Protein backbone atom coordinates (compact mmCIF):
# COMPACT_ATOMS: atom_id res chain seq x y z
CA MET A 1 163.79 26.12 29.41
CA THR A 2 160.19 27.19 29.49
CA ALA A 3 158.54 27.77 32.74
CA ASP A 4 157.30 23.51 32.52
CA SER A 5 160.07 21.74 32.06
CA GLU A 6 162.01 23.72 34.43
CA ARG A 7 158.96 22.89 37.34
CA LEU A 8 159.45 19.20 35.83
CA GLU A 9 163.44 19.42 36.37
CA ARG A 10 162.74 20.75 39.75
CA GLU A 11 160.62 17.62 40.69
CA ARG A 12 162.20 15.44 39.69
CA ASP A 13 165.56 16.11 41.57
CA LYS A 14 163.01 16.71 44.40
CA PHE A 15 161.86 12.81 43.78
CA ARG A 16 165.67 12.10 43.85
CA ARG A 17 166.67 13.40 46.58
CA ILE A 18 163.91 12.15 49.03
CA LEU A 19 164.39 8.59 47.20
CA ASN A 20 168.19 8.27 48.06
CA SER A 21 167.67 10.28 51.59
CA ILE A 22 165.20 6.40 52.31
CA SER A 23 167.32 4.00 54.41
CA ALA A 24 165.76 1.35 52.74
CA GLY A 25 166.15 -0.20 49.19
CA VAL A 26 163.43 1.18 47.37
CA LEU A 27 162.79 0.42 43.75
CA GLN A 28 160.39 2.12 40.75
CA VAL A 29 159.08 -0.45 38.46
CA SER A 30 156.81 -0.17 35.38
CA SER A 31 153.39 -1.22 35.97
CA ASP A 32 153.29 -2.37 32.23
CA ASP A 33 155.96 -4.82 32.29
CA GLY A 34 157.37 -4.63 35.13
CA ARG A 35 161.02 -3.55 34.30
CA ILE A 36 162.98 -0.94 36.80
CA LEU A 37 162.80 2.23 36.33
CA ASP A 38 164.69 4.10 39.47
CA MET A 39 166.50 2.98 42.61
CA ASN A 40 167.99 4.28 45.75
CA PRO A 41 171.55 3.37 46.54
CA TYR A 42 170.30 0.68 49.53
CA ALA A 43 168.01 -1.35 46.52
CA ASN A 44 171.61 -1.44 44.86
CA ALA A 45 173.37 -2.59 48.03
CA LEU A 46 170.82 -5.38 48.47
CA PHE A 47 170.80 -6.84 45.55
CA GLY A 48 174.63 -6.36 45.23
CA LEU A 49 174.40 -4.46 41.45
CA SER A 50 174.53 -1.65 40.20
CA GLU A 51 172.07 1.07 38.62
CA GLU A 52 173.65 0.06 35.20
CA GLU A 53 172.59 -3.90 36.45
CA LEU A 54 169.06 -3.30 37.30
CA LYS A 55 167.29 -0.59 35.68
CA GLY A 56 165.36 -1.50 32.48
CA LYS A 57 165.23 -5.20 33.75
CA VAL A 58 162.32 -7.33 35.17
CA LEU A 59 161.95 -7.14 38.28
CA LEU A 60 160.85 -10.74 38.85
CA GLU A 61 164.51 -12.00 37.08
CA PHE A 62 165.77 -10.76 40.31
CA LEU A 63 163.36 -12.45 42.68
CA PHE A 64 162.61 -16.20 41.09
CA ASP A 65 164.51 -18.59 38.99
CA GLU A 66 162.73 -20.68 35.51
CA SER A 67 161.20 -23.10 38.50
CA GLY A 68 159.41 -20.56 40.65
CA GLN A 69 162.11 -20.53 43.16
CA SER A 70 162.94 -17.26 45.14
CA LEU A 71 166.17 -16.03 44.76
CA MET A 72 166.08 -13.78 47.59
CA ASP A 73 165.28 -16.58 50.47
CA GLY A 74 164.45 -20.27 49.36
CA ARG A 75 160.59 -19.44 49.53
CA TYR A 76 158.30 -21.21 46.38
CA CYS A 77 156.27 -18.92 44.02
CA LYS A 78 153.81 -20.10 41.84
CA SER A 79 152.19 -17.46 40.00
CA GLY A 80 154.77 -14.47 41.08
CA LYS A 81 153.26 -14.25 44.49
CA TYR A 82 154.20 -15.67 47.61
CA GLU A 83 152.88 -18.52 49.20
């Protein structure tokens, strides 16, 4: 293992420890396509889904139905934003 790859692995471990220590649901989402890249256990509890069920899925699919109604609290959305 090279020094760069060891440093990267340490940074990933540090990120994971920080993410898991936050006592609120946190998702890391791709800015390219909105897919869920990572999450902490509180996010799993918030959605009631496992990491395997969330990872790689598009976040908006869990927040809004096809008509734009919020699946979280009943508010309506017309362009991906709360109104």
